[in-house]
Every structure is written in C-alpha cells, then in structure tokens.
Amino acid sequence: MAPKQQKSSLSDVVTREYTINLHKRVHGVQFKKRAPTAVKEIKAFVYKHLGTKDVRLDPQLNKEIWKQGIKHVPYRLRLRVSRKRNDEEKAKEPLFSYVQAVNVTSFKGLQTQVIEEES
C-alpha cells in the first residue's frame, strides 16, 4: 500500500471561530490557578485544532479571561483563531496562530465557522 500523504498546513492560512468550554477545562483546579490554567488550556486547544506550536493571544482576550479575577473564569468563550505566516527572520515555526475574543450575546446554537478573509 502507498504511504499516507499528510496535508501540509503551510498552505493553509485560515481563520475560524470556535466556542470553547472553559468550565470543563478548569474544573477541579484550585482557585488561585484558574485563570493561568485557562490561558494554557486555550493554547493547547488551538495547538490541537490548528497544529501550530506558536500561539499568540490578543490582549483583549487576556482581559476577557481575567475580567472577573483569578478565581472566576468565564464558562465559555467564543474565539476567532487566525493561522498566519510567520514573516520574522529566524522564526522557528513557519506559521503562528493569533487568538481573539468574539463578543456574542448567547452561545446557543453556535457552530465552528470558517471565516472568509477579504484581501
């Protein structure tokens, strides 16, 4: 049999919107470590779904996580994740992911969406 061909993520510069359930990811974590754990879990989620080790969070997303303090992380967040080319010199990774928060009134019925970028 022929070896499986892997799809190259290099050609995939894409933007998607995800809803992430932070409540189940920080369940059982002690109060003084909930917000830092939420940040790590978001990075792990993006790495799993987009395959880029270099994950950068928007400062507004960080404020959204920490808005209610270190103990009270929001139950759910809507994230817009953009996989972009890394144009910096001496970059270890060819792609990076940029994560932003999206304001929604309700999380009911939201699905993962691919956002078409206008260039």
PDB file of N, CA and C in Angstrom:
ATOM      1  N   MET A   1       0.832  -1.185   0.000  1.00  0.00           N
ATOM      2  CA  MET A   1       0.000   0.000   0.000  1.00  0.00           C
ATOM      3  C   MET A   1       0.876   1.247   0.000  1.00  0.00           C
ATOM      4  N   ALA A   2       0.381   2.270  -0.619  1.00  0.00           N
ATOM      5  CA  ALA A   2       1.109   3.527  -0.687  1.00  0.00           C
ATOM      6  C   ALA A   2       1.051   4.221   0.672  1.00  0.00           C
ATOM      7  N   PRO A   3       2.120   4.922   1.042  1.00  0.00           N
ATOM      8  CA  PRO A   3       2.098   5.629   2.327  1.00  0.00           C
ATOM      9  C   PRO A   3       1.076   6.763   2.300  1.00  0.00           C
ATOM     10  N   LYS A   4       0.524   7.029   3.479  1.00  0.00           N
ATOM     11  CA  LYS A   4      -0.475   8.107   3.578  1.00  0.00           C
ATOM     12  C   LYS A   4       0.204   9.449   3.348  1.00  0.00           C
ATOM     13  N   GLN A   5      -0.467  10.293   2.612  1.00  0.00           N
ATOM     14  CA  GLN A   5       0.052  11.630   2.372  1.00  0.00           C
ATOM     15  C   GLN A   5      -0.588  12.575   3.370  1.00  0.00           C
ATOM     16  N   GLN A   6       0.250  13.319   4.064  1.00  0.00           N
ATOM     17  CA  GLN A   6      -0.264  14.279   5.024  1.00  0.00           C
ATOM     18  C   GLN A   6      -0.501  15.605   4.330  1.00  0.00           C
ATOM     19  N   LYS A   7      -1.579  16.244   4.723  1.00  0.00           N
ATOM     20  CA  LYS A   7      -1.897  17.552   4.172  1.00  0.00           C
ATOM     21  C   LYS A   7      -0.979  18.591   4.811  1.00  0.00           C
ATOM     22  N   SER A   8      -0.342  19.377   4.015  1.00  0.00           N
ATOM     23  CA  SER A   8       0.572  20.389   4.524  1.00  0.00           C
ATOM     24  C   SER A   8      -0.224  21.557   5.092  1.00  0.00           C
ATOM     25  N   SER A   9       0.090  21.909   6.334  1.00  0.00           N
ATOM     26  CA  SER A   9      -0.589  23.046   6.938  1.00  0.00           C
ATOM     27  C   SER A   9       0.058  24.356   6.517  1.00  0.00           C
ATOM     28  N   LEU A  10       1.170  24.288   5.783  1.00  0.00           N
ATOM     29  CA  LEU A  10       1.835  25.508   5.321  1.00  0.00           C
ATOM     30  C   LEU A  10       0.957  26.319   4.394  1.00  0.00           C
ATOM     31  N   SER A  11       0.229  25.635   3.534  1.00  0.00           N
ATOM     32  CA  SER A  11      -0.585  26.356   2.560  1.00  0.00           C
ATOM     33  C   SER A  11      -1.901  26.843   3.164  1.00  0.00           C
ATOM     34  N   ASP A  12      -2.207  26.393   4.353  1.00  0.00           N
ATOM     35  CA  ASP A  12      -3.488  26.739   4.966  1.00  0.00           C
ATOM     36  C   ASP A  12      -3.368  27.979   5.839  1.00  0.00           C
ATOM     37  N   VAL A  13      -3.634  29.121   5.283  1.00  0.00           N
ATOM     38  CA  VAL A  13      -3.786  30.340   6.066  1.00  0.00           C
ATOM     39  C   VAL A  13      -5.284  30.530   6.192  1.00  0.00           C
ATOM     40  N   VAL A  14      -5.804  30.300   7.396  1.00  0.00           N
ATOM     41  CA  VAL A  14      -7.239  30.198   7.574  1.00  0.00           C
ATOM     42  C   VAL A  14      -7.645  30.909   8.863  1.00  0.00           C
ATOM     43  N   THR A  15      -8.914  31.326   8.913  1.00  0.00           N
ATOM     44  CA  THR A  15      -9.483  31.921  10.114  1.00  0.00           C
ATOM     45  C   THR A  15     -10.752  31.161  10.457  1.00  0.00           C
ATOM     46  N   ARG A  16     -10.866  30.744  11.707  1.00  0.00           N
ATOM     47  CA  ARG A  16     -12.042  30.008  12.171  1.00  0.00           C
ATOM     48  C   ARG A  16     -12.525  30.578  13.480  1.00  0.00           C
ATOM     49  N   GLU A  17     -13.824  30.359  13.752  1.00  0.00           N
ATOM     50  CA  GLU A  17     -14.400  30.737  15.037  1.00  0.00           C
ATOM     51  C   GLU A  17     -14.813  29.482  15.776  1.00  0.00           C
ATOM     52  N   TYR A  18     -14.372  29.379  17.021  1.00  0.00           N
ATOM     53  CA  TYR A  18     -14.675  28.246  17.873  1.00  0.00           C
ATOM     54  C   TYR A  18     -15.359  28.736  19.146  1.00  0.00           C
ATOM     55  N   THR A  19     -16.178  27.879  19.738  1.00  0.00           N
ATOM     56  CA  THR A  19     -16.669  28.099  21.086  1.00  0.00           C
ATOM     57  C   THR A  19     -15.962  27.087  21.966  1.00  0.00           C
ATOM     58  N   ILE A  20     -15.283  27.578  22.995  1.00  0.00           N
ATOM     59  CA  ILE A  20     -14.539  26.701  23.885  1.00  0.00           C
ATOM     60  C   ILE A  20     -15.202  26.718  25.255  1.00  0.00           C
ATOM     61  N   ASN A  21     -15.392  25.530  25.821  1.00  0.00           N
ATOM     62  CA  ASN A  21     -15.969  25.391  27.152  1.00  0.00           C
ATOM     63  C   ASN A  21     -14.824  25.380  28.161  1.00  0.00           C
ATOM     64  N   LEU A  22     -14.576  26.542  28.771  1.00  0.00           N
ATOM     65  CA  LEU A  22     -13.500  26.636  29.746  1.00  0.00           C
ATOM     66  C   LEU A  22     -13.882  25.996  31.069  1.00  0.00           C
ATOM     67  N   HIS A  23     -15.174  25.921  31.341  1.00  0.00           N
ATOM     68  CA  HIS A  23     -15.633  25.399  32.629  1.00  0.00           C
ATOM     69  C   HIS A  23     -15.145  23.970  32.852  1.00  0.00           C
ATOM     70  N   LYS A  24     -15.235  23.138  31.827  1.00  0.00           N
ATOM     71  CA  LYS A  24     -14.788  21.752  31.997  1.00  0.00           C
ATOM     72  C   LYS A  24     -13.274  21.634  32.009  1.00  0.00           C
ATOM     73  N   ARG A  25     -12.580  22.623  31.452  1.00  0.00           N
ATOM     74  CA  ARG A  25     -11.128  22.561  31.408  1.00  0.00           C
ATOM     75  C   ARG A  25     -10.473  23.048  32.696  1.00  0.00           C
ATOM     76  N   VAL A  26     -11.165  23.869  33.476  1.00  0.00           N
ATOM     77  CA  VAL A  26     -10.596  24.338  34.749  1.00  0.00           C
ATOM     78  C   VAL A  26     -11.316  23.720  35.945  1.00  0.00           C
ATOM     79  N   HIS A  27     -12.187  22.753  35.696  1.00  0.00           N
ATOM     80  CA  HIS A  27     -12.884  22.081  36.789  1.00  0.00           C
ATOM     81  C   HIS A  27     -11.885  21.341  37.671  1.00  0.00           C
ATOM     82  N   GLY A  28     -11.966  21.573  38.960  1.00  0.00           N
ATOM     83  CA  GLY A  28     -11.081  20.894  39.897  1.00  0.00           C
ATOM     84  C   GLY A  28      -9.751  21.579  40.109  1.00  0.00           C
ATOM     85  N   VAL A  29      -9.505  22.677  39.400  1.00  0.00           N
ATOM     86  CA  VAL A  29      -8.254  23.418  39.577  1.00  0.00           C
ATOM     87  C   VAL A  29      -8.441  24.369  40.746  1.00  0.00           C
ATOM     88  N   GLN A  30      -7.420  24.486  41.587  1.00  0.00           N
ATOM     89  CA  GLN A  30      -7.552  25.368  42.740  1.00  0.00           C
ATOM     90  C   GLN A  30      -7.742  26.816  42.292  1.00  0.00           C
ATOM     91  N   PHE A  31      -8.417  27.590  43.138  1.00  0.00           N
ATOM     92  CA  PHE A  31      -8.862  28.925  42.762  1.00  0.00           C
ATOM     93  C   PHE A  31      -7.735  29.839  42.302  1.00  0.00           C
ATOM     94  N   LYS A  32      -6.614  29.813  42.939  1.00  0.00           N
ATOM     95  CA  LYS A  32      -5.543  30.750  42.602  1.00  0.00           C
ATOM     96  C   LYS A  32      -4.799  30.382  41.317  1.00  0.00           C
ATOM     97  N   LYS A  33      -5.210  29.292  40.671  1.00  0.00           N
ATOM     98  CA  LYS A  33      -4.553  28.895  39.422  1.00  0.00           C
ATOM     99  C   LYS A  33      -5.529  28.783  38.262  1.00  0.00           C
ATOM    100  N   ARG A  34      -6.765  29.225  38.431  1.00  0.00           N
ATOM    101  CA  ARG A  34      -7.776  29.027  37.394  1.00  0.00           C
ATOM    102  C   ARG A  34      -7.522  29.853  36.137  1.00  0.00           C
ATOM    103  N   ALA A  35      -7.286  31.139  36.274  1.00  0.00           N
ATOM    104  CA  ALA A  35      -7.073  31.977  35.090  1.00  0.00           C
ATOM    105  C   ALA A  35      -5.791  31.588  34.347  1.00  0.00           C
ATOM    106  N   PRO A  36      -4.656  31.365  35.032  1.00  0.00           N
ATOM    107  CA  PRO A  36      -3.474  30.911  34.292  1.00  0.00           C
ATOM    108  C   PRO A  36      -3.687  29.560  33.607  1.00  0.00           C
ATOM    109  N   THR A  37      -4.436  28.675  34.250  1.00  0.00           N
ATOM    110  CA  THR A  37      -4.738  27.381  33.635  1.00  0.00           C
ATOM    111  C   THR A  37      -5.615  27.566  32.405  1.00  0.00           C
ATOM    112  N   ALA A  38      -6.558  28.506  32.457  1.00  0.00           N
ATOM    113  CA  ALA A  38      -7.431  28.777  31.313  1.00  0.00           C
ATOM    114  C   ALA A  38      -6.617  29.252  30.113  1.00  0.00           C
ATOM    115  N   VAL A  39      -5.618  30.087  30.351  1.00  0.00           N
ATOM    116  CA  VAL A  39      -4.755  30.560  29.266  1.00  0.00           C
ATOM    117  C   VAL A  39      -4.006  29.385  28.641  1.00  0.00           C
ATOM    118  N   LYS A  40      -3.478  28.496  29.484  1.00  0.00           N
ATOM    119  CA  LYS A  40      -2.750  27.331  28.974  1.00  0.00           C
ATOM    120  C   LYS A  40      -3.672  26.396  28.207  1.00  0.00           C
ATOM    121  N   GLU A  41      -4.907  26.247  28.677  1.00  0.00           N
ATOM    122  CA  GLU A  41      -5.862  25.364  28.005  1.00  0.00           C
ATOM    123  C   GLU A  41      -6.285  25.924  26.643  1.00  0.00           C
ATOM    124  N   ILE A  42      -6.409  27.244  26.546  1.00  0.00           N
ATOM    125  CA  ILE A  42      -6.734  27.861  25.249  1.00  0.00           C
ATOM    126  C   ILE A  42      -5.602  27.607  24.259  1.00  0.00           C
ATOM    127  N   LYS A  43      -4.361  27.753  24.717  1.00  0.00           N
ATOM    128  CA  LYS A  43      -3.216  27.500  23.840  1.00  0.00           C
ATOM    129  C   LYS A  43      -3.173  26.032  23.403  1.00  0.00           C
ATOM    130  N   ALA A  44      -3.488  25.123  24.330  1.00  0.00           N
ATOM    131  CA  ALA A  44      -3.500  23.694  23.990  1.00  0.00           C
ATOM    132  C   ALA A  44      -4.620  23.382  22.998  1.00  0.00           C
ATOM    133  N   PHE A  45      -5.782  24.023  23.165  1.00  0.00           N
ATOM    134  CA  PHE A  45      -6.913  23.843  22.259  1.00  0.00           C
ATOM    135  C   PHE A  45      -6.547  24.278  20.846  1.00  0.00           C
ATOM    136  N   VAL A  46      -5.913  25.448  20.731  1.00  0.00           N
ATOM    137  CA  VAL A  46      -5.537  25.975  19.417  1.00  0.00           C
ATOM    138  C   VAL A  46      -4.466  25.094  18.778  1.00  0.00           C
ATOM    139  N   TYR A  47      -3.517  24.619  19.572  1.00  0.00           N
ATOM    140  CA  TYR A  47      -2.486  23.732  19.039  1.00  0.00           C
ATOM    141  C   TYR A  47      -3.110  22.450  18.505  1.00  0.00           C
ATOM    142  N   LYS A  48      -4.085  21.916  19.230  1.00  0.00           N
ATOM    143  CA  LYS A  48      -4.733  20.672  18.810  1.00  0.00           C
ATOM    144  C   LYS A  48      -5.532  20.866  17.520  1.00  0.00           C
ATOM    145  N   HIS A  49      -6.224  21.991  17.387  1.00  0.00           N
ATOM    146  CA  HIS A  49      -7.115  22.187  16.253  1.00  0.00           C
ATOM    147  C   HIS A  49      -6.431  22.769  15.018  1.00  0.00           C
ATOM    148  N   LEU A  50      -5.398  23.582  15.209  1.00  0.00           N
ATOM    149  CA  LEU A  50      -4.746  24.204  14.050  1.00  0.00           C
ATOM    150  C   LEU A  50      -3.317  23.731  13.828  1.00  0.00           C
ATOM    151  N   GLY A  51      -2.727  23.039  14.784  1.00  0.00           N
ATOM    152  CA  GLY A  51      -1.424  22.437  14.581  1.00  0.00           C
ATOM    153  C   GLY A  51      -0.248  23.378  14.579  1.00  0.00           C
ATOM    154  N   THR A  52      -0.376  24.547  15.192  1.00  0.00           N
ATOM    155  CA  THR A  52       0.747  25.470  15.281  1.00  0.00           C
ATOM    156  C   THR A  52       1.203  25.571  16.728  1.00  0.00           C
ATOM    157  N   LYS A  53       2.497  25.402  16.938  1.00  0.00           N
ATOM    158  CA  LYS A  53       3.021  25.480  18.300  1.00  0.00           C
ATOM    159  C   LYS A  53       3.100  26.919  18.791  1.00  0.00           C
ATOM    160  N   ASP A  54       3.282  27.851  17.858  1.00  0.00           N
ATOM    161  CA  ASP A  54       3.375  29.269  18.211  1.00  0.00           C
ATOM    162  C   ASP A  54       1.957  29.843  18.258  1.00  0.00           C
ATOM    163  N   VAL A  55       1.423  30.009  19.474  1.00  0.00           N
ATOM    164  CA  VAL A  55       0.067  30.524  19.672  1.00  0.00           C
ATOM    165  C   VAL A  55       0.185  31.851  20.407  1.00  0.00           C
ATOM    166  N   ARG A  56      -0.403  32.898  19.825  1.00  0.00           N
ATOM    167  CA  ARG A  56      -0.341  34.236  20.423  1.00  0.00           C
ATOM    168  C   ARG A  56      -1.751  34.690  20.779  1.00  0.00           C
ATOM    169  N   LEU A  57      -1.919  35.174  22.003  1.00  0.00           N
ATOM    170  CA  LEU A  57      -3.222  35.626  22.476  1.00  0.00           C
ATOM    171  C   LEU A  57      -3.316  37.138  22.363  1.00  0.00           C
ATOM    172  N   ASP A  58      -4.478  37.603  21.949  1.00  0.00           N
ATOM    173  CA  ASP A  58      -4.771  39.029  21.877  1.00  0.00           C
ATOM    174  C   ASP A  58      -4.872  39.585  23.296  1.00  0.00           C
ATOM    175  N   PRO A  59      -4.388  40.786  23.555  1.00  0.00           N
ATOM    176  CA  PRO A  59      -4.524  41.364  24.901  1.00  0.00           C
ATOM    177  C   PRO A  59      -5.982  41.490  25.363  1.00  0.00           C
ATOM    178  N   GLN A  60      -6.906  41.728  24.425  1.00  0.00           N
ATOM    179  CA  GLN A  60      -8.317  41.809  24.806  1.00  0.00           C
ATOM    180  C   GLN A  60      -8.852  40.452  25.269  1.00  0.00           C
ATOM    181  N   LEU A  61      -8.364  39.371  24.679  1.00  0.00           N
ATOM    182  CA  LEU A  61      -8.748  38.034  25.134  1.00  0.00           C
ATOM    183  C   LEU A  61      -8.233  37.792  26.541  1.00  0.00           C
ATOM    184  N   ASN A  62      -7.009  38.208  26.810  1.00  0.00           N
ATOM    185  CA  ASN A  62      -6.444  38.064  28.147  1.00  0.00           C
ATOM    186  C   ASN A  62      -7.277  38.837  29.169  1.00  0.00           C
ATOM    187  N   LYS A  63      -7.702  40.046  28.798  1.00  0.00           N
ATOM    188  CA  LYS A  63      -8.555  40.842  29.700  1.00  0.00           C
ATOM    189  C   LYS A  63      -9.895  40.165  29.925  1.00  0.00           C
ATOM    190  N   GLU A  64     -10.427  39.531  28.883  1.00  0.00           N
ATOM    191  CA  GLU A  64     -11.712  38.833  28.998  1.00  0.00           C
ATOM    192  C   GLU A  64     -11.602  37.655  29.969  1.00  0.00           C
ATOM    193  N   ILE A  65     -10.497  36.949  29.925  1.00  0.00           N
ATOM    194  CA  ILE A  65     -10.294  35.821  30.838  1.00  0.00           C
ATOM    195  C   ILE A  65     -10.160  36.305  32.274  1.00  0.00           C
ATOM    196  N   TRP A  66      -9.410  37.370  32.463  1.00  0.00           N
ATOM    197  CA  TRP A  66      -9.104  37.861  33.806  1.00  0.00           C
ATOM    198  C   TRP A  66     -10.126  38.875  34.322  1.00  0.00           C
ATOM    199  N   LYS A  67     -11.173  39.171  33.572  1.00  0.00           N
ATOM    200  CA  LYS A  67     -12.126  40.228  33.920  1.00  0.00           C
ATOM    201  C   LYS A  67     -12.752  40.025  35.300  1.00  0.00           C
ATOM    202  N   GLN A  68     -13.090  38.796  35.641  1.00  0.00           N
ATOM    203  CA  GLN A  68     -13.750  38.521  36.919  1.00  0.00           C
ATOM    204  C   GLN A  68     -12.761  38.034  37.978  1.00  0.00           C
ATOM    205  N   GLY A  69     -11.473  38.194  37.711  1.00  0.00           N
ATOM    206  CA  GLY A  69     -10.463  37.822  38.691  1.00  0.00           C
ATOM    207  C   GLY A  69      -9.851  36.471  38.379  1.00  0.00           C
ATOM    208  N   ILE A  70      -8.946  36.069  39.258  1.00  0.00           N
ATOM    209  CA  ILE A  70      -8.212  34.824  39.042  1.00  0.00           C
ATOM    210  C   ILE A  70      -9.092  33.603  39.295  1.00  0.00           C
ATOM    211  N   LYS A  71     -10.109  33.743  40.141  1.00  0.00           N
ATOM    212  CA  LYS A  71     -10.944  32.601  40.515  1.00  0.00           C
ATOM    213  C   LYS A  71     -12.057  32.315  39.524  1.00  0.00           C
ATOM    214  N   HIS A  72     -12.678  33.364  39.014  1.00  0.00           N
ATOM    215  CA  HIS A  72     -13.923  33.205  38.263  1.00  0.00           C
ATOM    216  C   HIS A  72     -13.690  33.399  36.770  1.00  0.00           C
ATOM    217  N   VAL A  73     -13.287  32.332  36.122  1.00  0.00           N
ATOM    218  CA  VAL A  73     -13.065  32.325  34.682  1.00  0.00           C
ATOM    219  C   VAL A  73     -14.420  32.143  34.001  1.00  0.00           C
ATOM    220  N   PRO A  74     -14.678  32.812  32.857  1.00  0.00           N
ATOM    221  CA  PRO A  74     -15.961  32.616  32.166  1.00  0.00           C
ATOM    222  C   PRO A  74     -16.168  31.146  31.797  1.00  0.00           C
ATOM    223  N   TYR A  75     -17.424  30.711  31.822  1.00  0.00           N
ATOM    224  CA  TYR A  75     -17.734  29.315  31.499  1.00  0.00           C
ATOM    225  C   TYR A  75     -17.397  28.994  30.055  1.00  0.00           C
ATOM    226  N   ARG A  76     -17.742  29.894  29.151  1.00  0.00           N
ATOM    227  CA  ARG A  76     -17.484  29.674  27.724  1.00  0.00           C
ATOM    228  C   ARG A  76     -16.915  30.945  27.102  1.00  0.00           C
ATOM    229  N   LEU A  77     -16.159  30.752  26.033  1.00  0.00           N
ATOM    230  CA  LEU A  77     -15.631  31.866  25.255  1.00  0.00           C
ATOM    231  C   LEU A  77     -15.768  31.537  23.776  1.00  0.00           C
ATOM    232  N   ARG A  78     -16.061  32.559  22.992  1.00  0.00           N
ATOM    233  CA  ARG A  78     -16.067  32.433  21.537  1.00  0.00           C
ATOM    234  C   ARG A  78     -14.740  32.981  21.052  1.00  0.00           C
ATOM    235  N   LEU A  79     -13.985  32.169  20.332  1.00  0.00           N
ATOM    236  CA  LEU A  79     -12.647  32.541  19.892  1.00  0.00           C
ATOM    237  C   LEU A  79     -12.576  32.631  18.383  1.00  0.00           C
ATOM    238  N   ARG A  80     -11.893  33.641  17.874  1.00  0.00           N
ATOM    239  CA  ARG A  80     -11.563  33.729  16.448  1.00  0.00           C
ATOM    240  C   ARG A  80     -10.065  33.445  16.339  1.00  0.00           C
ATOM    241  N   VAL A  81      -9.744  32.348  15.669  1.00  0.00           N
ATOM    242  CA  VAL A  81      -8.364  31.898  15.566  1.00  0.00           C
ATOM    243  C   VAL A  81      -7.913  32.041  14.121  1.00  0.00           C
ATOM    244  N   SER A  82      -6.827  32.779  13.921  1.00  0.00           N
ATOM    245  CA  SER A  82      -6.277  33.004  12.588  1.00  0.00           C
ATOM    246  C   SER A  82      -4.900  32.359  12.508  1.00  0.00           C
ATOM    247  N   ARG A  83      -4.731  31.478  11.535  1.00  0.00           N
ATOM    248  CA  ARG A  83      -3.411  30.895  11.293  1.00  0.00           C
ATOM    249  C   ARG A  83      -2.758  31.742  10.215  1.00  0.00           C
ATOM    250  N   LYS A  84      -1.583  32.303  10.538  1.00  0.00           N
ATOM    251  CA  LYS A  84      -0.907  33.241   9.639  1.00  0.00           C
ATOM    252  C   LYS A  84       0.523  32.791   9.390  1.00  0.00           C
ATOM    253  N   ARG A  85       1.110  33.339   8.340  1.00  0.00           N
ATOM    254  CA  ARG A  85       2.511  33.065   8.035  1.00  0.00           C
ATOM    255  C   ARG A  85       3.401  33.897   8.959  1.00  0.00           C
ATOM    256  N   ASN A  86       4.501  33.287   9.361  1.00  0.00           N
ATOM    257  CA  ASN A  86       5.459  33.962  10.222  1.00  0.00           C
ATOM    258  C   ASN A  86       6.550  34.567   9.346  1.00  0.00           C
ATOM    259  N   ASP A  87       6.527  35.889   9.202  1.00  0.00           N
ATOM    260  CA  ASP A  87       7.474  36.569   8.315  1.00  0.00           C
ATOM    261  C   ASP A  87       8.719  37.072   9.031  1.00  0.00           C
ATOM    262  N   GLU A  88       8.846  36.775  10.319  1.00  0.00           N
ATOM    263  CA  GLU A  88      10.009  37.235  11.067  1.00  0.00           C
ATOM    264  C   GLU A  88      11.249  36.437  10.661  1.00  0.00           C
ATOM    265  N   GLU A  89      12.395  37.091  10.721  1.00  0.00           N
ATOM    266  CA  GLU A  89      13.636  36.379  10.449  1.00  0.00           C
ATOM    267  C   GLU A  89      13.962  35.476  11.632  1.00  0.00           C
ATOM    268  N   LYS A  90      14.600  34.378  11.364  1.00  0.00           N
ATOM    269  CA  LYS A  90      14.999  33.404  12.377  1.00  0.00           C
ATOM    270  C   LYS A  90      13.799  32.833  13.133  1.00  0.00           C
ATOM    271  N   ALA A  91      12.674  32.736  12.471  1.00  0.00           N
ATOM    272  CA  ALA A  91      11.486  32.168  13.116  1.00  0.00           C
ATOM    273  C   ALA A  91      11.606  30.651  13.126  1.00  0.00           C
ATOM    274  N   LYS A  92      11.310  30.051  14.278  1.00  0.00           N
ATOM    275  CA  LYS A  92      11.403  28.593  14.392  1.00  0.00           C
ATOM    276  C   LYS A  92      10.252  27.916  13.663  1.00  0.00           C
ATOM    277  N   GLU A  93       9.092  28.525  13.720  1.00  0.00           N
ATOM    278  CA  GLU A  93       7.894  27.945  13.106  1.00  0.00           C
ATOM    279  C   GLU A  93       7.500  28.764  11.879  1.00  0.00           C
ATOM    280  N   PRO A  94       7.066  28.121  10.787  1.00  0.00           N
ATOM    281  CA  PRO A  94       6.662  28.872   9.594  1.00  0.00           C
ATOM    282  C   PRO A  94       5.290  29.539   9.740  1.00  0.00           C
ATOM    283  N   LEU A  95       4.451  29.027  10.647  1.00  0.00           N
ATOM    284  CA  LEU A  95       3.119  29.578  10.874  1.00  0.00           C
ATOM    285  C   LEU A  95       2.919  29.860  12.351  1.00  0.00           C
ATOM    286  N   PHE A  96       2.010  30.804  12.634  1.00  0.00           N
ATOM    287  CA  PHE A  96       1.603  31.033  14.013  1.00  0.00           C
ATOM    288  C   PHE A  96       0.102  31.254  14.038  1.00  0.00           C
ATOM    289  N   SER A  97      -0.490  31.067  15.216  1.00  0.00           N
ATOM    290  CA  SER A  97      -1.928  31.282  15.390  1.00  0.00           C
ATOM    291  C   SER A  97      -2.139  32.497  16.271  1.00  0.00           C
ATOM    292  N   TYR A  98      -3.088  33.334  15.863  1.00  0.00           N
ATOM    293  CA  TYR A  98      -3.451  34.524  16.638  1.00  0.00           C
ATOM    294  C   TYR A  98      -4.885  34.353  17.104  1.00  0.00           C
ATOM    295  N   VAL A  99      -5.091  34.430  18.418  1.00  0.00           N
ATOM    296  CA  VAL A  99      -6.395  34.140  19.016  1.00  0.00           C
ATOM    297  C   VAL A  99      -7.011  35.424  19.539  1.00  0.00           C
ATOM    298  N   GLN A 100      -8.272  35.675  19.145  1.00  0.00           N
ATOM    299  CA  GLN A 100      -9.006  36.854  19.586  1.00  0.00           C
ATOM    300  C   GLN A 100     -10.335  36.427  20.193  1.00  0.00           C
ATOM    301  N   ALA A 101     -10.868  37.255  21.078  1.00  0.00           N
ATOM    302  CA  ALA A 101     -12.181  37.005  21.656  1.00  0.00           C
ATOM    303  C   ALA A 101     -13.249  37.641  20.770  1.00  0.00           C
ATOM    304  N   VAL A 102     -14.406  36.974  20.677  1.00  0.00           N
ATOM    305  CA  VAL A 102     -15.541  37.488  19.909  1.00  0.00           C
ATOM    306  C   VAL A 102     -16.685  37.682  20.886  1.00  0.00           C
ATOM    307  N   ASN A 103     -17.319  38.853  20.843  1.00  0.00           N
ATOM    308  CA  ASN A 103     -18.457  39.112  21.719  1.00  0.00           C
ATOM    309  C   ASN A 103     -19.724  38.526  21.122  1.00  0.00           C
ATOM    310  N   VAL A 104     -20.409  37.689  21.898  1.00  0.00           N
ATOM    311  CA  VAL A 104     -21.688  37.125  21.485  1.00  0.00           C
ATOM    312  C   VAL A 104     -22.660  37.282  22.649  1.00  0.00           C
ATOM    313  N   THR A 105     -23.948  37.390  22.308  1.00  0.00           N
ATOM    314  CA  THR A 105     -24.949  37.520  23.357  1.00  0.00           C
ATOM    315  C   THR A 105     -25.295  36.177  23.960  1.00  0.00           C
ATOM    316  N   SER A 106     -25.315  35.138  23.132  1.00  0.00           N
ATOM    317  CA  SER A 106     -25.641  33.800  23.604  1.00  0.00           C
ATOM    318  C   SER A 106     -24.793  32.776  22.860  1.00  0.00           C
ATOM    319  N   PHE A 107     -24.464  31.697  23.539  1.00  0.00           N
ATOM    320  CA  PHE A 107     -23.663  30.643  22.927  1.00  0.00           C
ATOM    321  C   PHE A 107     -24.533  29.544  22.338  1.00  0.00           C
ATOM    322  N   LYS A 108     -25.840  29.681  22.437  1.00  0.00           N
ATOM    323  CA  LYS A 108     -26.757  28.646  21.966  1.00  0.00           C
ATOM    324  C   LYS A 108     -26.683  28.509  20.450  1.00  0.00           C
ATOM    325  N   GLY A 109     -26.500  27.291  19.992  1.00  0.00           N
ATOM    326  CA  GLY A 109     -26.551  27.001  18.562  1.00  0.00           C
ATOM    327  C   GLY A 109     -25.353  27.431  17.754  1.00  0.00           C
ATOM    328  N   LEU A 110     -24.283  27.883  18.393  1.00  0.00           N
ATOM    329  CA  LEU A 110     -23.112  28.314  17.638  1.00  0.00           C
ATOM    330  C   LEU A 110     -22.282  27.113  17.221  1.00  0.00           C
ATOM    331  N   GLN A 111     -21.835  27.117  15.993  1.00  0.00           N
ATOM    332  CA  GLN A 111     -21.000  26.057  15.453  1.00  0.00           C
ATOM    333  C   GLN A 111     -19.659  26.658  15.036  1.00  0.00           C
ATOM    334  N   THR A 112     -18.699  25.789  14.766  1.00  0.00           N
ATOM    335  CA  THR A 112     -17.422  26.245  14.252  1.00  0.00           C
ATOM    336  C   THR A 112     -17.624  26.779  12.836  1.00  0.00           C
ATOM    337  N   GLN A 113     -17.096  27.967  12.576  1.00  0.00           N
ATOM    338  CA  GLN A 113     -17.261  28.595  11.274  1.00  0.00           C
ATOM    339  C   GLN A 113     -15.897  28.931  10.681  1.00  0.00           C
ATOM    340  N   VAL A 114     -15.795  28.784   9.377  1.00  0.00           N
ATOM    341  CA  VAL A 114     -14.610  29.248   8.659  1.00  0.00           C
ATOM    342  C   VAL A 114     -14.923  30.652   8.151  1.00  0.00           C
ATOM    343  N   ILE A 115     -14.072  31.603   8.503  1.00  0.00           N
ATOM    344  CA  ILE A 115     -14.276  32.998   8.120  1.00  0.00           C
ATOM    345  C   ILE A 115     -13.495  33.250   6.847  1.00  0.00           C
ATOM    346  N   GLU A 116     -14.167  33.785   5.859  1.00  0.00           N
ATOM    347  CA  GLU A 116     -13.514  34.128   4.586  1.00  0.00           C
ATOM    348  C   GLU A 116     -12.895  35.511   4.735  1.00  0.00           C
ATOM    349  N   GLU A 117     -11.591  35.589   4.547  1.00  0.00           N
ATOM    350  CA  GLU A 117     -10.901  36.879   4.656  1.00  0.00           C
ATOM    351  C   GLU A 117     -10.875  37.564   3.310  1.00  0.00           C
ATOM    352  N   GLU A 118     -11.108  38.859   3.351  1.00  0.00           N
ATOM    353  CA  GLU A 118     -11.091  39.657   2.123  1.00  0.00           C
ATOM    354  C   GLU A 118      -9.707  40.268   1.970  1.00  0.00           C
ATOM    355  N   SER A 119      -9.031  39.942   0.862  1.00  0.00           N
ATOM    356  CA  SER A 119      -7.692  40.521   0.666  1.00  0.00           C
ATOM    357  C   SER A 119      -7.640  41.384  -0.554  1.00  0.00           C
TER     358      SER A 119
END
